[in-house]
PDB file of N, CA and C in Angstrom:
ATOM      1  N   MET A   1      13.523 -65.743 197.544  1.00  0.00           N
ATOM      2  CA  MET A   1      13.844 -67.057 198.162  1.00  0.00           C
ATOM      3  C   MET A   1      13.986 -66.933 199.640  1.00  0.00           C
ATOM      4  N   LYS A   2      13.564 -68.053 200.405  1.00  0.00           N
ATOM      5  CA  LYS A   2      13.635 -68.073 201.772  1.00  0.00           C
ATOM      6  C   LYS A   2      14.815 -68.864 202.249  1.00  0.00           C
ATOM      7  N   ILE A   3      15.155 -68.646 203.596  1.00  0.00           N
ATOM      8  CA  ILE A   3      16.091 -69.535 204.134  1.00  0.00           C
ATOM      9  C   ILE A   3      15.395 -70.336 205.339  1.00  0.00           C
ATOM     10  N   TYR A   4      15.792 -71.567 205.421  1.00  0.00           N
ATOM     11  CA  TYR A   4      15.166 -72.430 206.359  1.00  0.00           C
ATOM     12  C   TYR A   4      16.205 -73.162 207.196  1.00  0.00           C
ATOM     13  N   CYS A   5      16.084 -73.346 208.479  1.00  0.00           N
ATOM     14  CA  CYS A   5      17.145 -73.950 209.292  1.00  0.00           C
ATOM     15  C   CYS A   5      16.615 -75.140 209.956  1.00  0.00           C
ATOM     16  N   VAL A   6      17.409 -76.207 209.917  1.00  0.00           N
ATOM     17  CA  VAL A   6      17.116 -77.516 210.709  1.00  0.00           C
ATOM     18  C   VAL A   6      18.274 -77.708 211.650  1.00  0.00           C
ATOM     19  N   SER A   7      17.848 -77.710 212.968  1.00  0.00           N
ATOM     20  CA  SER A   7      18.934 -77.691 214.046  1.00  0.00           C
ATOM     21  C   SER A   7      18.478 -78.597 215.011  1.00  0.00           C
ATOM     22  N   ASP A   8      19.461 -79.006 215.902  1.00  0.00           N
ATOM     23  CA  ASP A   8      19.204 -79.861 217.159  1.00  0.00           C
ATOM     24  C   ASP A   8      19.296 -78.926 218.402  1.00  0.00           C
ATOM     25  N   SER A   9      19.373 -77.642 218.166  1.00  0.00           N
ATOM     26  CA  SER A   9      19.564 -76.690 219.382  1.00  0.00           C
ATOM     27  C   SER A   9      18.451 -75.677 219.298  1.00  0.00           C
ATOM     28  N   THR A  10      17.745 -75.483 220.348  1.00  0.00           N
ATOM     29  CA  THR A  10      16.746 -74.491 220.471  1.00  0.00           C
ATOM     30  C   THR A  10      17.378 -73.045 220.446  1.00  0.00           C
ATOM     31  N   ASP A  11      18.680 -72.965 220.900  1.00  0.00           N
ATOM     32  CA  ASP A  11      19.352 -71.714 220.935  1.00  0.00           C
ATOM     33  C   ASP A  11      19.660 -71.229 219.482  1.00  0.00           C
ATOM     34  N   THR A  12      20.041 -72.143 218.683  1.00  0.00           N
ATOM     35  CA  THR A  12      20.333 -71.861 217.286  1.00  0.00           C
ATOM     36  C   THR A  12      18.986 -71.380 216.626  1.00  0.00           C
ATOM     37  N   ARG A  13      17.956 -72.177 216.852  1.00  0.00           N
ATOM     38  CA  ARG A  13      16.665 -71.866 216.268  1.00  0.00           C
ATOM     39  C   ARG A  13      16.178 -70.435 216.671  1.00  0.00           C
ATOM     40  N   THR A  14      16.285 -70.159 217.905  1.00  0.00           N
ATOM     41  CA  THR A  14      15.899 -68.863 218.498  1.00  0.00           C
ATOM     42  C   THR A  14      16.682 -67.641 217.838  1.00  0.00           C
ATOM     43  N   GLY A  15      18.042 -67.819 217.782  1.00  0.00           N
ATOM     44  CA  GLY A  15      18.802 -66.824 217.291  1.00  0.00           C
ATOM     45  C   GLY A  15      18.494 -66.510 215.772  1.00  0.00           C
ATOM     46  N   LEU A  16      18.330 -67.577 215.018  1.00  0.00           N
ATOM     47  CA  LEU A  16      18.002 -67.415 213.668  1.00  0.00           C
ATOM     48  C   LEU A  16      16.609 -66.905 213.455  1.00  0.00           C
ATOM     49  N   ARG A  17      15.748 -67.241 214.369  1.00  0.00           N
ATOM     50  CA  ARG A  17      14.260 -66.813 214.300  1.00  0.00           C
ATOM     51  C   ARG A  17      14.377 -65.304 214.489  1.00  0.00           C
ATOM     52  N   LEU A  18      15.271 -64.822 215.401  1.00  0.00           N
ATOM     53  CA  LEU A  18      15.284 -63.366 215.656  1.00  0.00           C
ATOM     54  C   LEU A  18      15.787 -62.582 214.437  1.00  0.00           C
ATOM     55  N   ALA A  19      16.578 -63.312 213.609  1.00  0.00           N
ATOM     56  CA  ALA A  19      17.041 -62.701 212.213  1.00  0.00           C
ATOM     57  C   ALA A  19      16.079 -62.941 211.172  1.00  0.00           C
ATOM     58  N   GLY A  20      14.905 -63.502 211.552  1.00  0.00           N
ATOM     59  CA  GLY A  20      13.876 -63.740 210.468  1.00  0.00           C
ATOM     60  C   GLY A  20      13.890 -65.004 209.647  1.00  0.00           C
ATOM     61  N   ILE A  21      14.765 -65.944 210.090  1.00  0.00           N
ATOM     62  CA  ILE A  21      14.946 -67.250 209.480  1.00  0.00           C
ATOM     63  C   ILE A  21      14.008 -68.240 210.174  1.00  0.00           C
ATOM     64  N   ASP A  22      13.119 -68.818 209.393  1.00  0.00           N
ATOM     65  CA  ASP A  22      12.331 -69.895 210.060  1.00  0.00           C
ATOM     66  C   ASP A  22      12.983 -71.171 210.092  1.00  0.00           C
ATOM     67  N   GLY A  23      12.596 -72.031 210.892  1.00  0.00           N
ATOM     68  CA  GLY A  23      13.131 -73.406 210.896  1.00  0.00           C
ATOM     69  C   GLY A  23      12.565 -74.285 211.989  1.00  0.00           C
ATOM     70  N   ALA A  24      13.220 -75.346 212.258  1.00  0.00           N
ATOM     71  CA  ALA A  24      12.736 -76.426 213.186  1.00  0.00           C
ATOM     72  C   ALA A  24      13.816 -77.020 214.057  1.00  0.00           C
ATOM     73  N   VAL A  25      13.507 -77.451 215.217  1.00  0.00           N
ATOM     74  CA  VAL A  25      14.389 -78.138 216.022  1.00  0.00           C
ATOM     75  C   VAL A  25      14.024 -79.640 216.002  1.00  0.00           C
ATOM     76  N   VAL A  26      14.872 -80.462 215.727  1.00  0.00           N
ATOM     77  CA  VAL A  26      14.674 -81.966 215.618  1.00  0.00           C
ATOM     78  C   VAL A  26      15.361 -82.689 216.639  1.00  0.00           C
ATOM     79  N   GLY A  27      14.786 -83.888 217.091  1.00  0.00           N
ATOM     80  CA  GLY A  27      15.514 -84.666 218.003  1.00  0.00           C
ATOM     81  C   GLY A  27      15.915 -85.974 217.593  1.00  0.00           C
ATOM     82  N   GLY A  28      15.204 -86.491 216.492  1.00  0.00           N
ATOM     83  CA  GLY A  28      15.480 -87.795 216.087  1.00  0.00           C
ATOM     84  C   GLY A  28      15.609 -87.888 214.566  1.00  0.00           C
ATOM     85  N   GLU A  29      15.838 -89.069 214.111  1.00  0.00           N
ATOM     86  CA  GLU A  29      16.071 -89.261 212.652  1.00  0.00           C
ATOM     87  C   GLU A  29      14.701 -89.063 211.894  1.00  0.00           C
ATOM     88  N   ALA A  30      13.639 -89.557 212.341  1.00  0.00           N
ATOM     89  CA  ALA A  30      12.363 -89.375 211.650  1.00  0.00           C
ATOM     90  C   ALA A  30      12.020 -87.951 211.574  1.00  0.00           C
ATOM     91  N   GLU A  31      12.209 -87.096 212.654  1.00  0.00           N
ATOM     92  CA  GLU A  31      11.961 -85.726 212.572  1.00  0.00           C
ATOM     93  C   GLU A  31      12.874 -85.000 211.610  1.00  0.00           C
ATOM     94  N   PHE A  32      14.161 -85.420 211.651  1.00  0.00           N
ATOM     95  CA  PHE A  32      15.115 -84.794 210.698  1.00  0.00           C
ATOM     96  C   PHE A  32      14.676 -84.956 209.223  1.00  0.00           C
ATOM     97  N   HIS A  33      14.393 -86.229 208.854  1.00  0.00           N
ATOM     98  CA  HIS A  33      13.877 -86.529 207.502  1.00  0.00           C
ATOM     99  C   HIS A  33      12.624 -85.828 207.070  1.00  0.00           C
ATOM    100  N   SER A  34      11.759 -85.675 208.136  1.00  0.00           N
ATOM    101  CA  SER A  34      10.453 -85.034 207.784  1.00  0.00           C
ATOM    102  C   SER A  34      10.686 -83.548 207.537  1.00  0.00           C
ATOM    103  N   GLU A  35      11.561 -82.983 208.313  1.00  0.00           N
ATOM    104  CA  GLU A  35      11.802 -81.423 208.080  1.00  0.00           C
ATOM    105  C   GLU A  35      12.660 -81.307 206.821  1.00  0.00           C
ATOM    106  N   ILE A  36      13.527 -82.156 206.548  1.00  0.00           N
ATOM    107  CA  ILE A  36      14.310 -82.005 205.304  1.00  0.00           C
ATOM    108  C   ILE A  36      13.364 -82.232 204.117  1.00  0.00           C
ATOM    109  N   ASN A  37      12.469 -83.192 204.136  1.00  0.00           N
ATOM    110  CA  ASN A  37      11.523 -83.391 203.034  1.00  0.00           C
ATOM    111  C   ASN A  37      10.628 -82.169 202.862  1.00  0.00           C
ATOM    112  N   LYS A  38      10.206 -81.578 204.007  1.00  0.00           N
ATOM    113  CA  LYS A  38       9.375 -80.402 203.983  1.00  0.00           C
ATOM    114  C   LYS A  38      10.103 -79.247 203.273  1.00  0.00           C
ATOM    115  N   ALA A  39      11.370 -79.119 203.576  1.00  0.00           N
ATOM    116  CA  ALA A  39      12.221 -77.987 202.998  1.00  0.00           C
ATOM    117  C   ALA A  39      12.361 -78.281 201.444  1.00  0.00           C
ATOM    118  N   LEU A  40      12.623 -79.545 201.158  1.00  0.00           N
ATOM    119  CA  LEU A  40      12.883 -79.865 199.764  1.00  0.00           C
ATOM    120  C   LEU A  40      11.656 -79.591 198.880  1.00  0.00           C
ATOM    121  N   ASP A  41      10.467 -79.878 199.477  1.00  0.00           N
ATOM    122  CA  ASP A  41       9.118 -79.707 198.789  1.00  0.00           C
ATOM    123  C   ASP A  41       8.835 -78.231 198.552  1.00  0.00           C
ATOM    124  N   ASP A  42       9.214 -77.410 199.518  1.00  0.00           N
ATOM    125  CA  ASP A  42       8.991 -75.961 199.392  1.00  0.00           C
ATOM    126  C   ASP A  42       9.837 -75.275 198.386  1.00  0.00           C
ATOM    127  N   LYS A  43       9.378 -74.930 197.190  1.00  0.00           N
ATOM    128  CA  LYS A  43      10.214 -74.397 196.148  1.00  0.00           C
ATOM    129  C   LYS A  43      10.603 -73.003 196.389  1.00  0.00           C
ATOM    130  N   GLU A  44      10.115 -72.312 197.474  1.00  0.00           N
ATOM    131  CA  GLU A  44      10.564 -70.969 197.773  1.00  0.00           C
ATOM    132  C   GLU A  44      11.873 -70.917 198.678  1.00  0.00           C
ATOM    133  N   ILE A  45      12.199 -72.132 199.204  1.00  0.00           N
ATOM    134  CA  ILE A  45      13.396 -72.223 200.037  1.00  0.00           C
ATOM    135  C   ILE A  45      14.680 -72.366 199.143  1.00  0.00           C
ATOM    136  N   GLY A  46      15.493 -71.375 199.190  1.00  0.00           N
ATOM    137  CA  GLY A  46      16.736 -71.313 198.395  1.00  0.00           C
ATOM    138  C   GLY A  46      17.938 -71.773 199.131  1.00  0.00           C
ATOM    139  N   ILE A  47      17.932 -71.623 200.522  1.00  0.00           N
ATOM    140  CA  ILE A  47      19.094 -72.010 201.366  1.00  0.00           C
ATOM    141  C   ILE A  47      18.536 -72.815 202.520  1.00  0.00           C
ATOM    142  N   LEU A  48      19.218 -73.921 202.638  1.00  0.00           N
ATOM    143  CA  LEU A  48      18.769 -74.834 203.900  1.00  0.00           C
ATOM    144  C   LEU A  48      20.022 -74.888 204.723  1.00  0.00           C
ATOM    145  N   LEU A  49      19.817 -74.344 205.947  1.00  0.00           N
ATOM    146  CA  LEU A  49      20.855 -74.354 207.062  1.00  0.00           C
ATOM    147  C   LEU A  49      20.720 -75.613 207.808  1.00  0.00           C
ATOM    148  N   ILE A  50      21.676 -76.307 208.026  1.00  0.00           N
ATOM    149  CA  ILE A  50      21.721 -77.560 208.933  1.00  0.00           C
ATOM    150  C   ILE A  50      22.804 -77.358 209.896  1.00  0.00           C
ATOM    151  N   SER A  51      22.645 -77.639 211.152  1.00  0.00           N
ATOM    152  CA  SER A  51      23.624 -77.511 212.163  1.00  0.00           C
ATOM    153  C   SER A  51      24.650 -78.629 211.890  1.00  0.00           C
ATOM    154  N   GLU A  52      25.915 -78.322 212.201  1.00  0.00           N
ATOM    155  CA  GLU A  52      27.015 -79.191 211.955  1.00  0.00           C
ATOM    156  C   GLU A  52      26.824 -80.577 212.590  1.00  0.00           C
ATOM    157  N   LYS A  53      26.266 -80.561 213.910  1.00  0.00           N
ATOM    158  CA  LYS A  53      26.185 -81.826 214.512  1.00  0.00           C
ATOM    159  C   LYS A  53      25.108 -82.717 213.862  1.00  0.00           C
ATOM    160  N   LEU A  54      24.008 -82.160 213.440  1.00  0.00           N
ATOM    161  CA  LEU A  54      22.943 -82.917 212.661  1.00  0.00           C
ATOM    162  C   LEU A  54      23.595 -83.423 211.279  1.00  0.00           C
ATOM    163  N   ALA A  55      24.258 -82.515 210.658  1.00  0.00           N
ATOM    164  CA  ALA A  55      24.907 -82.875 209.361  1.00  0.00           C
ATOM    165  C   ALA A  55      25.835 -84.021 209.567  1.00  0.00           C
ATOM    166  N   ALA A  56      26.607 -84.106 210.582  1.00  0.00           N
ATOM    167  CA  ALA A  56      27.617 -85.118 210.785  1.00  0.00           C
ATOM    168  C   ALA A  56      26.889 -86.359 211.203  1.00  0.00           C
ATOM    169  N   ARG A  57      25.733 -86.237 211.940  1.00  0.00           N
ATOM    170  CA  ARG A  57      24.950 -87.489 212.329  1.00  0.00           C
ATOM    171  C   ARG A  57      24.302 -88.116 211.228  1.00  0.00           C
ATOM    172  N   TYR A  58      23.744 -87.318 210.264  1.00  0.00           N
ATOM    173  CA  TYR A  58      23.034 -87.806 209.071  1.00  0.00           C
ATOM    174  C   TYR A  58      23.748 -87.493 207.793  1.00  0.00           C
ATOM    175  N   SER A  59      25.140 -87.664 207.778  1.00  0.00           N
ATOM    176  CA  SER A  59      25.922 -87.270 206.637  1.00  0.00           C
ATOM    177  C   SER A  59      25.472 -87.892 205.335  1.00  0.00           C
ATOM    178  N   GLU A  60      25.071 -89.065 205.367  1.00  0.00           N
ATOM    179  CA  GLU A  60      24.771 -89.803 204.159  1.00  0.00           C
ATOM    180  C   GLU A  60      23.520 -89.096 203.522  1.00  0.00           C
ATOM    181  N   ALA A  61      22.521 -88.724 204.309  1.00  0.00           N
ATOM    182  CA  ALA A  61      21.360 -88.064 203.700  1.00  0.00           C
ATOM    183  C   ALA A  61      21.639 -86.634 203.341  1.00  0.00           C
ATOM    184  N   VAL A  62      22.569 -85.890 204.039  1.00  0.00           N
ATOM    185  CA  VAL A  62      22.975 -84.595 203.718  1.00  0.00           C
ATOM    186  C   VAL A  62      23.710 -84.647 202.366  1.00  0.00           C
ATOM    187  N   ASN A  63      24.655 -85.509 202.254  1.00  0.00           N
ATOM    188  CA  ASN A  63      25.461 -85.594 200.956  1.00  0.00           C
ATOM    189  C   ASN A  63      24.487 -85.953 199.797  1.00  0.00           C
ATOM    190  N   GLU A  64      23.581 -86.867 200.039  1.00  0.00           N
ATOM    191  CA  GLU A  64      22.627 -87.168 199.040  1.00  0.00           C
ATOM    192  C   GLU A  64      21.854 -85.986 198.519  1.00  0.00           C
ATOM    193  N   ILE A  65      21.488 -85.139 199.449  1.00  0.00           N
ATOM    194  CA  ILE A  65      20.623 -83.799 199.115  1.00  0.00           C
ATOM    195  C   ILE A  65      21.592 -83.042 198.322  1.00  0.00           C
ATOM    196  N   LYS A  66      22.853 -82.782 198.753  1.00  0.00           N
ATOM    197  CA  LYS A  66      23.737 -81.893 198.045  1.00  0.00           C
ATOM    198  C   LYS A  66      23.999 -82.341 196.588  1.00  0.00           C
ATOM    199  N   LEU A  67      24.118 -83.667 196.387  1.00  0.00           N
ATOM    200  CA  LEU A  67      24.413 -84.123 195.119  1.00  0.00           C
ATOM    201  C   LEU A  67      23.237 -84.280 194.159  1.00  0.00           C
ATOM    202  N   SER A  68      22.065 -84.394 194.712  1.00  0.00           N
ATOM    203  CA  SER A  68      20.917 -84.717 193.752  1.00  0.00           C
ATOM    204  C   SER A  68      19.925 -83.525 193.641  1.00  0.00           C
ATOM    205  N   HIS A  69      20.116 -82.518 194.492  1.00  0.00           N
ATOM    206  CA  HIS A  69      19.129 -81.386 194.340  1.00  0.00           C
ATOM    207  C   HIS A  69      19.836 -80.101 194.133  1.00  0.00           C
ATOM    208  N   PRO A  70      19.611 -79.316 192.984  1.00  0.00           N
ATOM    209  CA  PRO A  70      20.306 -78.070 192.725  1.00  0.00           C
ATOM    210  C   PRO A  70      19.806 -77.043 193.769  1.00  0.00           C
ATOM    211  N   LEU A  71      18.646 -77.071 194.243  1.00  0.00           N
ATOM    212  CA  LEU A  71      18.147 -76.134 195.252  1.00  0.00           C
ATOM    213  C   LEU A  71      17.382 -77.035 196.274  1.00  0.00           C
ATOM    214  N   PRO A  72      17.456 -76.720 197.533  1.00  0.00           N
ATOM    215  CA  PRO A  72      18.152 -75.566 198.045  1.00  0.00           C
ATOM    216  C   PRO A  72      19.625 -75.764 198.213  1.00  0.00           C
ATOM    217  N   LEU A  73      20.370 -74.726 198.351  1.00  0.00           N
ATOM    218  CA  LEU A  73      21.789 -74.820 198.614  1.00  0.00           C
ATOM    219  C   LEU A  73      21.893 -75.264 200.151  1.00  0.00           C
ATOM    220  N   VAL A  74      22.611 -76.260 200.482  1.00  0.00           N
ATOM    221  CA  VAL A  74      22.729 -76.734 201.870  1.00  0.00           C
ATOM    222  C   VAL A  74      23.945 -76.219 202.445  1.00  0.00           C
ATOM    223  N   VAL A  75      23.916 -75.521 203.628  1.00  0.00           N
ATOM    224  CA  VAL A  75      25.025 -74.854 204.289  1.00  0.00           C
ATOM    225  C   VAL A  75      24.945 -75.514 205.641  1.00  0.00           C
ATOM    226  N   GLU A  76      26.136 -75.990 206.118  1.00  0.00           N
ATOM    227  CA  GLU A  76      26.311 -76.481 207.469  1.00  0.00           C
ATOM    228  C   GLU A  76      26.864 -75.342 208.371  1.00  0.00           C
ATOM    229  N   ILE A  77      26.098 -75.059 209.483  1.00  0.00           N
ATOM    230  CA  ILE A  77      26.440 -74.033 210.327  1.00  0.00           C
ATOM    231  C   ILE A  77      26.780 -74.527 211.797  1.00  0.00           C
ATOM    232  N   PRO A  78      27.744 -73.904 212.390  1.00  0.00           N
ATOM    233  CA  PRO A  78      28.049 -74.253 213.813  1.00  0.00           C
ATOM    234  C   PRO A  78      26.948 -73.770 214.781  1.00  0.00           C
ATOM    235  N   ASP A  79      26.940 -74.408 215.917  1.00  0.00           N
ATOM    236  CA  ASP A  79      25.900 -73.863 216.873  1.00  0.00           C
ATOM    237  C   ASP A  79      26.626 -72.915 217.799  1.00  0.00           C
ATOM    238  N   ARG A  80      25.952 -72.489 218.894  1.00  0.00           N
ATOM    239  CA  ARG A  80      26.504 -71.515 219.686  1.00  0.00           C
ATOM    240  C   ARG A  80      27.841 -71.864 220.465  1.00  0.00           C
ATOM    241  N   HIS A  81      28.077 -73.158 220.388  1.00  0.00           N
ATOM    242  CA  HIS A  81      29.331 -73.637 221.153  1.00  0.00           C
ATOM    243  C   HIS A  81      30.555 -73.610 220.194  1.00  0.00           C
ATOM    244  N   GLY A  82      30.284 -73.218 218.977  1.00  0.00           N
ATOM    245  CA  GLY A  82      31.385 -73.164 217.934  1.00  0.00           C
ATOM    246  C   GLY A  82      31.405 -74.251 216.942  1.00  0.00           C
ATOM    247  N   THR A  83      32.374 -74.365 216.198  1.00  0.00           N
ATOM    248  CA  THR A  83      32.498 -75.354 215.103  1.00  0.00           C
ATOM    249  C   THR A  83      33.219 -76.591 215.672  1.00  0.00           C
ATOM    250  N   GLY A  84      32.995 -77.641 215.023  1.00  0.00           N
ATOM    251  CA  GLY A  84      33.711 -78.865 215.319  1.00  0.00           C
ATOM    252  C   GLY A  84      34.731 -79.204 214.386  1.00  0.00           C
ATOM    253  N   ARG A  85      35.043 -78.220 213.516  1.00  0.00           N
ATOM    254  CA  ARG A  85      36.154 -78.393 212.525  1.00  0.00           C
ATOM    255  C   ARG A  85      37.427 -77.972 213.021  1.00  0.00           C
ATOM    256  N   ARG A  86      38.429 -78.548 212.432  1.00  0.00           N
ATOM    257  CA  ARG A  86      39.819 -78.172 212.877  1.00  0.00           C
ATOM    258  C   ARG A  86      40.063 -76.594 212.530  1.00  0.00           C
ATOM    259  N   GLU A  87      40.986 -76.046 213.123  1.00  0.00           N
ATOM    260  CA  GLU A  87      41.417 -74.645 212.905  1.00  0.00           C
ATOM    261  C   GLU A  87      41.871 -74.428 211.371  1.00  0.00           C
ATOM    262  N   ASP A  88      42.614 -75.500 210.796  1.00  0.00           N
ATOM    263  CA  ASP A  88      43.107 -75.315 209.400  1.00  0.00           C
ATOM    264  C   ASP A  88      42.206 -75.964 208.439  1.00  0.00           C
ATOM    265  N   PHE A  89      40.907 -75.939 208.667  1.00  0.00           N
ATOM    266  CA  PHE A  89      39.956 -76.567 207.749  1.00  0.00           C
ATOM    267  C   PHE A  89      40.012 -76.106 206.404  1.00  0.00           C
ATOM    268  N   ILE A  90      40.064 -74.796 206.192  1.00  0.00           N
ATOM    269  CA  ILE A  90      39.948 -74.235 204.841  1.00  0.00           C
ATOM    270  C   ILE A  90      41.297 -74.628 204.010  1.00  0.00           C
ATOM    271  N   THR A  91      42.430 -74.410 204.747  1.00  0.00           N
ATOM    272  CA  THR A  91      43.674 -74.697 203.971  1.00  0.00           C
ATOM    273  C   THR A  91      43.882 -76.282 203.714  1.00  0.00           C
ATOM    274  N   GLY A  92      43.357 -77.039 204.656  1.00  0.00           N
ATOM    275  CA  GLY A  92      43.275 -78.524 204.498  1.00  0.00           C
ATOM    276  C   GLY A  92      42.404 -78.864 203.245  1.00  0.00           C
ATOM    277  N   PHE A  93      41.322 -78.194 203.209  1.00  0.00           N
ATOM    278  CA  PHE A  93      40.266 -78.495 202.182  1.00  0.00           C
ATOM    279  C   PHE A  93      40.946 -78.126 200.794  1.00  0.00           C
ATOM    280  N   VAL A  94      41.544 -77.008 200.574  1.00  0.00           N
ATOM    281  CA  VAL A  94      42.160 -76.552 199.446  1.00  0.00           C
ATOM    282  C   VAL A  94      43.248 -77.545 199.046  1.00  0.00           C
ATOM    283  N   HIS A  95      44.069 -77.983 199.978  1.00  0.00           N
ATOM    284  CA  HIS A  95      45.066 -78.875 199.734  1.00  0.00           C
ATOM    285  C   HIS A  95      44.580 -80.299 199.286  1.00  0.00           C
ATOM    286  N   GLU A  96      43.504 -80.721 199.892  1.00  0.00           N
ATOM    287  CA  GLU A  96      42.858 -81.961 199.499  1.00  0.00           C
ATOM    288  C   GLU A  96      42.234 -81.930 198.085  1.00  0.00           C
ATOM    289  N   ALA A  97      41.640 -80.748 197.845  1.00  0.00           N
ATOM    290  CA  ALA A  97      40.916 -80.559 196.606  1.00  0.00           C
ATOM    291  C   ALA A  97      41.708 -80.448 195.401  1.00  0.00           C
ATOM    292  N   ILE A  98      42.784 -79.514 195.497  1.00  0.00           N
ATOM    293  CA  ILE A  98      43.639 -79.241 194.303  1.00  0.00           C
ATOM    294  C   ILE A  98      45.188 -79.550 194.404  1.00  0.00           C
ATOM    295  N   GLY A  99      45.499 -80.053 195.609  1.00  0.00           N
ATOM    296  CA  GLY A  99      46.939 -80.481 195.811  1.00  0.00           C
ATOM    297  C   GLY A  99      47.865 -79.341 196.142  1.00  0.00           C
ATOM    298  N   ILE A 100      47.378 -78.122 196.402  1.00  0.00           N
ATOM    299  CA  ILE A 100      48.195 -76.978 196.734  1.00  0.00           C
ATOM    300  C   ILE A 100      48.220 -76.777 198.156  1.00  0.00           C
ATOM    301  N   LYS A 101      49.403 -76.736 198.767  1.00  0.00           N
ATOM    302  CA  LYS A 101      49.578 -76.444 200.127  1.00  0.00           C
ATOM    303  C   LYS A 101      49.757 -74.913 200.322  1.00  0.00           C
ATOM    304  N   ILE A 102      48.845 -74.272 201.065  1.00  0.00           N
ATOM    305  CA  ILE A 102      48.981 -72.811 201.247  1.00  0.00           C
ATOM    306  C   ILE A 102      49.211 -72.485 202.697  1.00  0.00           C
TER     307      ILE A 102
END
C-alpha cells in the first residue's frame, strides 16, 4: 500500500517526497477535491495524509471521507510550523470521548 499527501505547503510536500511519499500541493477548493478524488480512486493508496490547515478548511469533506470510506486511512499532519492543536489535545480527547479525566 502507498501513502499519499495532500498539502498546502511546498515544504511539507518536499519533506515527504524526500521520504518517498508522493503527493500534491493544492491552493484552492477545486484542486483539493480533485486530488482527494484522485487518491480515493487509486486503490493502492492505504494512507492519505492531509495537512491540518487544509483539513480544518475543508473539514466537512474530510469528515465525509473518514466516515464513508474504509480506505484510505485519513491522517491529519502538522506542517513545519507545528500543530494548531492545544497542548492537552490527547487528554481532552479522551475526556470528551469516554468521560475520564486523566
